[in-house]
Amino acid sequence: MTLSLNIGNFFNDSSCHALVDELRKKTSEEDILDFEEKFNSKNEKNLHIYICRFLKNRSISRAVASKWLITIIKNKESKIDALQKLNN
C-alpha cells in the first residue's frame, strides 16, 4: 500500500498533465504572473502548492519549477516591499 499526502481537491491525472503543460509553455515573467493570478482566483489551492507537489512527485523538472517559484516569490516580495514603503 502506498501512502500519499493529499492536498485537498487536487486535480485528476489529466488535469495535472494539462497544468504541467501550461507551466512549460509560459516563459516570460509576465506570462507566469498572469497565469498565477488567474489560477489562484479560480482554485482552492494556490499555484505554488501544485508546483511543489509536482516537484515532489517528479512530474516537472527542477528547472521549470524553480523558474516559476522564483518568479512567484520575487513578485510577492516586491509587493511586500511596496506596502512596507507606503507604511513608513
PDB file of N, CA and C in Angstrom:
ATOM      1  N   MET A   1       0.843  -1.176   0.000  1.00  0.00           N
ATOM      2  CA  MET A   1       0.000   0.000   0.000  1.00  0.00           C
ATOM      3  C   MET A   1       0.888   1.239   0.000  1.00  0.00           C
ATOM      4  N   THR A   2       0.518   2.199  -0.807  1.00  0.00           N
ATOM      5  CA  THR A   2       1.282   3.437  -0.911  1.00  0.00           C
ATOM      6  C   THR A   2       0.547   4.558  -0.200  1.00  0.00           C
ATOM      7  N   LEU A   3       1.253   5.289   0.607  1.00  0.00           N
ATOM      8  CA  LEU A   3       0.669   6.445   1.275  1.00  0.00           C
ATOM      9  C   LEU A   3       1.050   7.699   0.517  1.00  0.00           C
ATOM     10  N   SER A   4       0.105   8.596   0.388  1.00  0.00           N
ATOM     11  CA  SER A   4       0.424   9.874  -0.236  1.00  0.00           C
ATOM     12  C   SER A   4      -0.272  10.969   0.537  1.00  0.00           C
ATOM     13  N   LEU A   5       0.322  12.112   0.546  1.00  0.00           N
ATOM     14  CA  LEU A   5      -0.290  13.264   1.196  1.00  0.00           C
ATOM     15  C   LEU A   5      -1.248  13.907   0.222  1.00  0.00           C
ATOM     16  N   ASN A   6      -2.489  14.013   0.604  1.00  0.00           N
ATOM     17  CA  ASN A   6      -3.492  14.634  -0.240  1.00  0.00           C
ATOM     18  C   ASN A   6      -3.589  16.101   0.142  1.00  0.00           C
ATOM     19  N   ILE A   7      -3.594  16.966  -0.842  1.00  0.00           N
ATOM     20  CA  ILE A   7      -3.666  18.406  -0.580  1.00  0.00           C
ATOM     21  C   ILE A   7      -5.094  18.901  -0.737  1.00  0.00           C
ATOM     22  N   GLY A   8      -6.068  18.116  -0.503  1.00  0.00           N
ATOM     23  CA  GLY A   8      -7.430  18.581  -0.717  1.00  0.00           C
ATOM     24  C   GLY A   8      -7.831  18.322  -2.150  1.00  0.00           C
ATOM     25  N   ASN A   9      -8.584  19.169  -2.729  1.00  0.00           N
ATOM     26  CA  ASN A   9      -9.121  18.969  -4.071  1.00  0.00           C
ATOM     27  C   ASN A   9      -8.026  19.030  -5.136  1.00  0.00           C
ATOM     28  N   PHE A  10      -7.131  18.071  -5.099  1.00  0.00           N
ATOM     29  CA  PHE A  10      -6.049  18.016  -6.080  1.00  0.00           C
ATOM     30  C   PHE A  10      -6.613  17.509  -7.393  1.00  0.00           C
ATOM     31  N   PHE A  11      -6.086  17.971  -8.485  1.00  0.00           N
ATOM     32  CA  PHE A  11      -6.593  17.632  -9.807  1.00  0.00           C
ATOM     33  C   PHE A  11      -6.472  16.147 -10.105  1.00  0.00           C
ATOM     34  N   ASN A  12      -7.283  15.679 -11.057  1.00  0.00           N
ATOM     35  CA  ASN A  12      -7.121  14.320 -11.547  1.00  0.00           C
ATOM     36  C   ASN A  12      -5.903  14.286 -12.476  1.00  0.00           C
ATOM     37  N   ASP A  13      -5.534  13.104 -12.938  1.00  0.00           N
ATOM     38  CA  ASP A  13      -4.309  12.943 -13.727  1.00  0.00           C
ATOM     39  C   ASP A  13      -4.290  13.789 -14.995  1.00  0.00           C
ATOM     40  N   SER A  14      -5.395  13.809 -15.733  1.00  0.00           N
ATOM     41  CA  SER A  14      -5.396  14.576 -16.980  1.00  0.00           C
ATOM     42  C   SER A  14      -5.297  16.074 -16.704  1.00  0.00           C
ATOM     43  N   SER A  15      -5.908  16.527 -15.625  1.00  0.00           N
ATOM     44  CA  SER A  15      -5.798  17.942 -15.265  1.00  0.00           C
ATOM     45  C   SER A  15      -4.376  18.285 -14.831  1.00  0.00           C
ATOM     46  N   CYS A  16      -3.752  17.368 -14.125  1.00  0.00           N
ATOM     47  CA  CYS A  16      -2.358  17.579 -13.708  1.00  0.00           C
ATOM     48  C   CYS A  16      -1.444  17.685 -14.921  1.00  0.00           C
ATOM     49  N   HIS A  17      -1.633  16.796 -15.883  1.00  0.00           N
ATOM     50  CA  HIS A  17      -0.817  16.844 -17.099  1.00  0.00           C
ATOM     51  C   HIS A  17      -1.052  18.141 -17.861  1.00  0.00           C
ATOM     52  N   ALA A  18      -2.291  18.589 -17.911  1.00  0.00           N
ATOM     53  CA  ALA A  18      -2.611  19.843 -18.598  1.00  0.00           C
ATOM     54  C   ALA A  18      -1.950  21.030 -17.886  1.00  0.00           C
ATOM     55  N   LEU A  19      -1.958  21.012 -16.558  1.00  0.00           N
ATOM     56  CA  LEU A  19      -1.324  22.097 -15.806  1.00  0.00           C
ATOM     57  C   LEU A  19       0.184  22.090 -16.024  1.00  0.00           C
ATOM     58  N   VAL A  20       0.794  20.921 -15.998  1.00  0.00           N
ATOM     59  CA  VAL A  20       2.242  20.825 -16.249  1.00  0.00           C
ATOM     60  C   VAL A  20       2.563  21.355 -17.644  1.00  0.00           C
ATOM     61  N   ASP A  21       1.745  21.011 -18.616  1.00  0.00           N
ATOM     62  CA  ASP A  21       1.947  21.518 -19.979  1.00  0.00           C
ATOM     63  C   ASP A  21       1.860  23.039 -20.010  1.00  0.00           C
ATOM     64  N   GLU A  22       0.905  23.598 -19.291  1.00  0.00           N
ATOM     65  CA  GLU A  22       0.776  25.064 -19.225  1.00  0.00           C
ATOM     66  C   GLU A  22       2.009  25.681 -18.580  1.00  0.00           C
ATOM     67  N   LEU A  23       2.493  25.081 -17.514  1.00  0.00           N
ATOM     68  CA  LEU A  23       3.683  25.600 -16.835  1.00  0.00           C
ATOM     69  C   LEU A  23       4.879  25.624 -17.776  1.00  0.00           C
ATOM     70  N   ARG A  24       5.004  24.592 -18.572  1.00  0.00           N
ATOM     71  CA  ARG A  24       6.134  24.523 -19.502  1.00  0.00           C
ATOM     72  C   ARG A  24       6.023  25.563 -20.614  1.00  0.00           C
ATOM     73  N   LYS A  25       4.806  25.919 -21.011  1.00  0.00           N
ATOM     74  CA  LYS A  25       4.592  26.872 -22.102  1.00  0.00           C
ATOM     75  C   LYS A  25       4.939  28.308 -21.715  1.00  0.00           C
ATOM     76  N   LYS A  26       4.658  28.665 -20.488  1.00  0.00           N
ATOM     77  CA  LYS A  26       4.850  30.048 -20.042  1.00  0.00           C
ATOM     78  C   LYS A  26       6.328  30.289 -19.764  1.00  0.00           C
ATOM     79  N   THR A  27       6.902  31.275 -20.450  1.00  0.00           N
ATOM     80  CA  THR A  27       8.333  31.510 -20.272  1.00  0.00           C
ATOM     81  C   THR A  27       8.646  32.892 -19.713  1.00  0.00           C
ATOM     82  N   SER A  28       7.853  33.887 -20.046  1.00  0.00           N
ATOM     83  CA  SER A  28       8.164  35.234 -19.550  1.00  0.00           C
ATOM     84  C   SER A  28       7.578  35.431 -18.157  1.00  0.00           C
ATOM     85  N   GLU A  29       8.198  36.308 -17.383  1.00  0.00           N
ATOM     86  CA  GLU A  29       7.704  36.597 -16.042  1.00  0.00           C
ATOM     87  C   GLU A  29       6.274  37.111 -16.088  1.00  0.00           C
ATOM     88  N   GLU A  30       5.981  37.945 -17.068  1.00  0.00           N
ATOM     89  CA  GLU A  30       4.630  38.495 -17.200  1.00  0.00           C
ATOM     90  C   GLU A  30       3.601  37.384 -17.422  1.00  0.00           C
ATOM     91  N   ASP A  31       3.926  36.440 -18.298  1.00  0.00           N
ATOM     92  CA  ASP A  31       3.023  35.311 -18.561  1.00  0.00           C
ATOM     93  C   ASP A  31       2.835  34.451 -17.312  1.00  0.00           C
ATOM     94  N   ILE A  32       3.921  34.223 -16.610  1.00  0.00           N
ATOM     95  CA  ILE A  32       3.876  33.405 -15.398  1.00  0.00           C
ATOM     96  C   ILE A  32       2.994  34.059 -14.347  1.00  0.00           C
ATOM     97  N   LEU A  33       3.210  35.348 -14.099  1.00  0.00           N
ATOM     98  CA  LEU A  33       2.442  36.042 -13.064  1.00  0.00           C
ATOM     99  C   LEU A  33       0.972  36.191 -13.448  1.00  0.00           C
ATOM    100  N   ASP A  34       0.707  36.398 -14.718  1.00  0.00           N
ATOM    101  CA  ASP A  34      -0.673  36.489 -15.189  1.00  0.00           C
ATOM    102  C   ASP A  34      -1.380  35.146 -14.994  1.00  0.00           C
ATOM    103  N   PHE A  35      -0.708  34.060 -15.371  1.00  0.00           N
ATOM    104  CA  PHE A  35      -1.291  32.736 -15.204  1.00  0.00           C
ATOM    105  C   PHE A  35      -1.517  32.432 -13.725  1.00  0.00           C
ATOM    106  N   GLU A  36      -0.546  32.779 -12.881  1.00  0.00           N
ATOM    107  CA  GLU A  36      -0.675  32.520 -11.443  1.00  0.00           C
ATOM    108  C   GLU A  36      -1.885  33.248 -10.869  1.00  0.00           C
ATOM    109  N   GLU A  37      -2.048  34.500 -11.237  1.00  0.00           N
ATOM    110  CA  GLU A  37      -3.173  35.286 -10.729  1.00  0.00           C
ATOM    111  C   GLU A  37      -4.511  34.657 -11.133  1.00  0.00           C
ATOM    112  N   LYS A  38      -4.627  34.296 -12.393  1.00  0.00           N
ATOM    113  CA  LYS A  38      -5.871  33.663 -12.874  1.00  0.00           C
ATOM    114  C   LYS A  38      -6.101  32.314 -12.201  1.00  0.00           C
ATOM    115  N   PHE A  39      -5.039  31.527 -12.093  1.00  0.00           N
ATOM    116  CA  PHE A  39      -5.147  30.200 -11.481  1.00  0.00           C
ATOM    117  C   PHE A  39      -5.592  30.319 -10.026  1.00  0.00           C
ATOM    118  N   ASN A  40      -4.946  31.199  -9.275  1.00  0.00           N
ATOM    119  CA  ASN A  40      -5.249  31.332  -7.855  1.00  0.00           C
ATOM    120  C   ASN A  40      -6.663  31.847  -7.612  1.00  0.00           C
ATOM    121  N   SER A  41      -7.171  32.650  -8.531  1.00  0.00           N
ATOM    122  CA  SER A  41      -8.512  33.187  -8.350  1.00  0.00           C
ATOM    123  C   SER A  41      -9.595  32.138  -8.611  1.00  0.00           C
ATOM    124  N   LYS A  42      -9.235  31.052  -9.316  1.00  0.00           N
ATOM    125  CA  LYS A  42     -10.229  30.046  -9.691  1.00  0.00           C
ATOM    126  C   LYS A  42     -10.079  28.726  -8.944  1.00  0.00           C
ATOM    127  N   ASN A  43      -9.047  28.584  -8.137  1.00  0.00           N
ATOM    128  CA  ASN A  43      -8.780  27.299  -7.482  1.00  0.00           C
ATOM    129  C   ASN A  43      -8.635  27.461  -5.979  1.00  0.00           C
ATOM    130  N   GLU A  44      -8.961  26.383  -5.285  1.00  0.00           N
ATOM    131  CA  GLU A  44      -8.909  26.388  -3.828  1.00  0.00           C
ATOM    132  C   GLU A  44      -7.472  26.530  -3.311  1.00  0.00           C
ATOM    133  N   LYS A  45      -6.556  25.836  -3.944  1.00  0.00           N
ATOM    134  CA  LYS A  45      -5.141  25.890  -3.545  1.00  0.00           C
ATOM    135  C   LYS A  45      -4.371  26.776  -4.515  1.00  0.00           C
ATOM    136  N   ASN A  46      -3.402  27.510  -3.977  1.00  0.00           N
ATOM    137  CA  ASN A  46      -2.582  28.378  -4.818  1.00  0.00           C
ATOM    138  C   ASN A  46      -1.637  27.559  -5.689  1.00  0.00           C
ATOM    139  N   LEU A  47      -1.228  28.175  -6.788  1.00  0.00           N
ATOM    140  CA  LEU A  47      -0.394  27.508  -7.775  1.00  0.00           C
ATOM    141  C   LEU A  47       0.902  26.982  -7.179  1.00  0.00           C
ATOM    142  N   HIS A  48       1.512  27.730  -6.268  1.00  0.00           N
ATOM    143  CA  HIS A  48       2.789  27.266  -5.717  1.00  0.00           C
ATOM    144  C   HIS A  48       2.656  25.924  -4.998  1.00  0.00           C
ATOM    145  N   ILE A  49       1.492  25.633  -4.442  1.00  0.00           N
ATOM    146  CA  ILE A  49       1.261  24.335  -3.800  1.00  0.00           C
ATOM    147  C   ILE A  49       1.342  23.220  -4.836  1.00  0.00           C
ATOM    148  N   TYR A  50       0.712  23.436  -5.980  1.00  0.00           N
ATOM    149  CA  TYR A  50       0.735  22.435  -7.047  1.00  0.00           C
ATOM    150  C   TYR A  50       2.137  22.270  -7.620  1.00  0.00           C
ATOM    151  N   ILE A  51       2.843  23.374  -7.791  1.00  0.00           N
ATOM    152  CA  ILE A  51       4.207  23.300  -8.323  1.00  0.00           C
ATOM    153  C   ILE A  51       5.089  22.479  -7.385  1.00  0.00           C
ATOM    154  N   CYS A  52       4.978  22.734  -6.087  1.00  0.00           N
ATOM    155  CA  CYS A  52       5.771  21.973  -5.116  1.00  0.00           C
ATOM    156  C   CYS A  52       5.395  20.497  -5.133  1.00  0.00           C
ATOM    157  N   ARG A  53       4.111  20.228  -5.275  1.00  0.00           N
ATOM    158  CA  ARG A  53       3.656  18.835  -5.340  1.00  0.00           C
ATOM    159  C   ARG A  53       4.207  18.144  -6.590  1.00  0.00           C
ATOM    160  N   PHE A  54       4.151  18.855  -7.732  1.00  0.00           N
ATOM    161  CA  PHE A  54       4.706  18.298  -8.970  1.00  0.00           C
ATOM    162  C   PHE A  54       6.201  18.036  -8.818  1.00  0.00           C
ATOM    163  N   LEU A  55       6.883  18.942  -8.169  1.00  0.00           N
ATOM    164  CA  LEU A  55       8.319  18.793  -7.954  1.00  0.00           C
ATOM    165  C   LEU A  55       8.594  17.576  -7.063  1.00  0.00           C
ATOM    166  N   LYS A  56       7.829  17.435  -6.006  1.00  0.00           N
ATOM    167  CA  LYS A  56       7.982  16.295  -5.104  1.00  0.00           C
ATOM    168  C   LYS A  56       7.744  14.978  -5.827  1.00  0.00           C
ATOM    169  N   ASN A  57       6.734  14.959  -6.692  1.00  0.00           N
ATOM    170  CA  ASN A  57       6.398  13.734  -7.429  1.00  0.00           C
ATOM    171  C   ASN A  57       7.215  13.555  -8.703  1.00  0.00           C
ATOM    172  N   ARG A  58       8.112  14.488  -8.953  1.00  0.00           N
ATOM    173  CA  ARG A  58       8.961  14.461 -10.151  1.00  0.00           C
ATOM    174  C   ARG A  58       8.144  14.498 -11.443  1.00  0.00           C
ATOM    175  N   SER A  59       7.031  15.252 -11.391  1.00  0.00           N
ATOM    176  CA  SER A  59       6.179  15.424 -12.566  1.00  0.00           C
ATOM    177  C   SER A  59       6.635  16.604 -13.404  1.00  0.00           C
ATOM    178  N   ILE A  60       7.539  17.387 -12.856  1.00  0.00           N
ATOM    179  CA  ILE A  60       8.003  18.597 -13.519  1.00  0.00           C
ATOM    180  C   ILE A  60       9.499  18.726 -13.240  1.00  0.00           C
ATOM    181  N   SER A  61      10.208  19.316 -14.161  1.00  0.00           N
ATOM    182  CA  SER A  61      11.660  19.443 -13.963  1.00  0.00           C
ATOM    183  C   SER A  61      11.976  20.470 -12.889  1.00  0.00           C
ATOM    184  N   ARG A  62      13.132  20.313 -12.284  1.00  0.00           N
ATOM    185  CA  ARG A  62      13.571  21.278 -11.277  1.00  0.00           C
ATOM    186  C   ARG A  62      13.755  22.649 -11.887  1.00  0.00           C
ATOM    187  N   ALA A  63      14.193  22.691 -13.147  1.00  0.00           N
ATOM    188  CA  ALA A  63      14.412  23.980 -13.818  1.00  0.00           C
ATOM    189  C   ALA A  63      13.100  24.732 -14.006  1.00  0.00           C
ATOM    190  N   VAL A  64      12.072  24.041 -14.466  1.00  0.00           N
ATOM    191  CA  VAL A  64      10.765  24.689 -14.661  1.00  0.00           C
ATOM    192  C   VAL A  64      10.183  25.114 -13.324  1.00  0.00           C
ATOM    193  N   ALA A  65      10.227  24.213 -12.346  1.00  0.00           N
ATOM    194  CA  ALA A  65       9.679  24.524 -11.025  1.00  0.00           C
ATOM    195  C   ALA A  65      10.406  25.703 -10.392  1.00  0.00           C
ATOM    196  N   SER A  66      11.723  25.719 -10.473  1.00  0.00           N
ATOM    197  CA  SER A  66      12.472  26.806  -9.839  1.00  0.00           C
ATOM    198  C   SER A  66      12.206  28.137 -10.529  1.00  0.00           C
ATOM    199  N   LYS A  67      12.085  28.114 -11.852  1.00  0.00           N
ATOM    200  CA  LYS A  67      11.787  29.356 -12.572  1.00  0.00           C
ATOM    201  C   LYS A  67      10.450  29.928 -12.112  1.00  0.00           C
ATOM    202  N   TRP A  68       9.453  29.076 -12.039  1.00  0.00           N
ATOM    203  CA  TRP A  68       8.133  29.527 -11.613  1.00  0.00           C
ATOM    204  C   TRP A  68       8.148  29.989 -10.159  1.00  0.00           C
ATOM    205  N   LEU A  69       8.729  29.200  -9.278  1.00  0.00           N
ATOM    206  CA  LEU A  69       8.728  29.558  -7.863  1.00  0.00           C
ATOM    207  C   LEU A  69       9.521  30.832  -7.590  1.00  0.00           C
ATOM    208  N   ILE A  70      10.652  30.990  -8.240  1.00  0.00           N
ATOM    209  CA  ILE A  70      11.440  32.219  -8.062  1.00  0.00           C
ATOM    210  C   ILE A  70      10.659  33.427  -8.550  1.00  0.00           C
ATOM    211  N   THR A  71      10.008  33.297  -9.690  1.00  0.00           N
ATOM    212  CA  THR A  71       9.210  34.403 -10.234  1.00  0.00           C
ATOM    213  C   THR A  71       8.077  34.767  -9.273  1.00  0.00           C
ATOM    214  N   ILE A  72       7.377  33.759  -8.778  1.00  0.00           N
ATOM    215  CA  ILE A  72       6.256  33.994  -7.864  1.00  0.00           C
ATOM    216  C   ILE A  72       6.747  34.627  -6.564  1.00  0.00           C
ATOM    217  N   ILE A  73       7.836  34.106  -6.002  1.00  0.00           N
ATOM    218  CA  ILE A  73       8.362  34.628  -4.739  1.00  0.00           C
ATOM    219  C   ILE A  73       8.868  36.058  -4.900  1.00  0.00           C
ATOM    220  N   LYS A  74       9.600  36.326  -5.968  1.00  0.00           N
ATOM    221  CA  LYS A  74      10.101  37.690  -6.202  1.00  0.00           C
ATOM    222  C   LYS A  74       8.942  38.672  -6.322  1.00  0.00           C
ATOM    223  N   ASN A  75       7.867  38.262  -6.991  1.00  0.00           N
ATOM    224  CA  ASN A  75       6.702  39.122  -7.138  1.00  0.00           C
ATOM    225  C   ASN A  75       6.064  39.408  -5.775  1.00  0.00           C
ATOM    226  N   LYS A  76       5.921  38.387  -4.954  1.00  0.00           N
ATOM    227  CA  LYS A  76       5.335  38.557  -3.618  1.00  0.00           C
ATOM    228  C   LYS A  76       6.220  39.464  -2.760  1.00  0.00           C
ATOM    229  N   GLU A  77       7.536  39.267  -2.845  1.00  0.00           N
ATOM    230  CA  GLU A  77       8.453  40.103  -2.075  1.00  0.00           C
ATOM    231  C   GLU A  77       8.385  41.564  -2.505  1.00  0.00           C
ATOM    232  N   SER A  78       8.274  41.806  -3.801  1.00  0.00           N
ATOM    233  CA  SER A  78       8.191  43.188  -4.271  1.00  0.00           C
ATOM    234  C   SER A  78       6.890  43.848  -3.820  1.00  0.00           C
ATOM    235  N   LYS A  79       5.808  43.079  -3.763  1.00  0.00           N
ATOM    236  CA  LYS A  79       4.540  43.620  -3.259  1.00  0.00           C
ATOM    237  C   LYS A  79       4.644  43.953  -1.776  1.00  0.00           C
ATOM    238  N   ILE A  80       5.302  43.082  -1.015  1.00  0.00           N
ATOM    239  CA  ILE A  80       5.507  43.330   0.413  1.00  0.00           C
ATOM    240  C   ILE A  80       6.363  44.573   0.615  1.00  0.00           C
ATOM    241  N   ASP A  81       7.446  44.698  -0.141  1.00  0.00           N
ATOM    242  CA  ASP A  81       8.323  45.867  -0.042  1.00  0.00           C
ATOM    243  C   ASP A  81       7.566  47.152  -0.361  1.00  0.00           C
ATOM    244  N   ALA A  82       6.722  47.116  -1.386  1.00  0.00           N
ATOM    245  CA  ALA A  82       5.949  48.299  -1.768  1.00  0.00           C
ATOM    246  C   ALA A  82       4.985  48.695  -0.653  1.00  0.00           C
ATOM    247  N   LEU A  83       4.361  47.716  -0.018  1.00  0.00           N
ATOM    248  CA  LEU A  83       3.446  48.006   1.080  1.00  0.00           C
ATOM    249  C   LEU A  83       4.188  48.557   2.303  1.00  0.00           C
ATOM    250  N   GLN A  84       5.363  48.014   2.554  1.00  0.00           N
ATOM    251  CA  GLN A  84       6.159  48.495   3.679  1.00  0.00           C
ATOM    252  C   GLN A  84       6.594  49.939   3.472  1.00  0.00           C
ATOM    253  N   LYS A  85       6.929  50.295   2.237  1.00  0.00           N
ATOM    254  CA  LYS A  85       7.327  51.669   1.928  1.00  0.00           C
ATOM    255  C   LYS A  85       6.164  52.629   2.106  1.00  0.00           C
ATOM    256  N   LEU A  86       4.960  52.169   1.800  1.00  0.00           N
ATOM    257  CA  LEU A  86       3.767  53.001   1.984  1.00  0.00           C
ATOM    258  C   LEU A  86       3.494  53.265   3.453  1.00  0.00           C
ATOM    259  N   ASN A  87       3.801  52.290   4.300  1.00  0.00           N
ATOM    260  CA  ASN A  87       3.542  52.416   5.732  1.00  0.00           C
ATOM    261  C   ASN A  87       4.617  53.200   6.476  1.00  0.00           C
ATOM    262  N   ASN A  88       5.742  53.451   5.833  1.00  0.00           N
ATOM    263  CA  ASN A  88       6.841  54.185   6.507  1.00  0.00           C
ATOM    264  C   ASN A  88       6.740  55.632   6.256  1.00  0.00           C
TER     265      ASN A  88
END
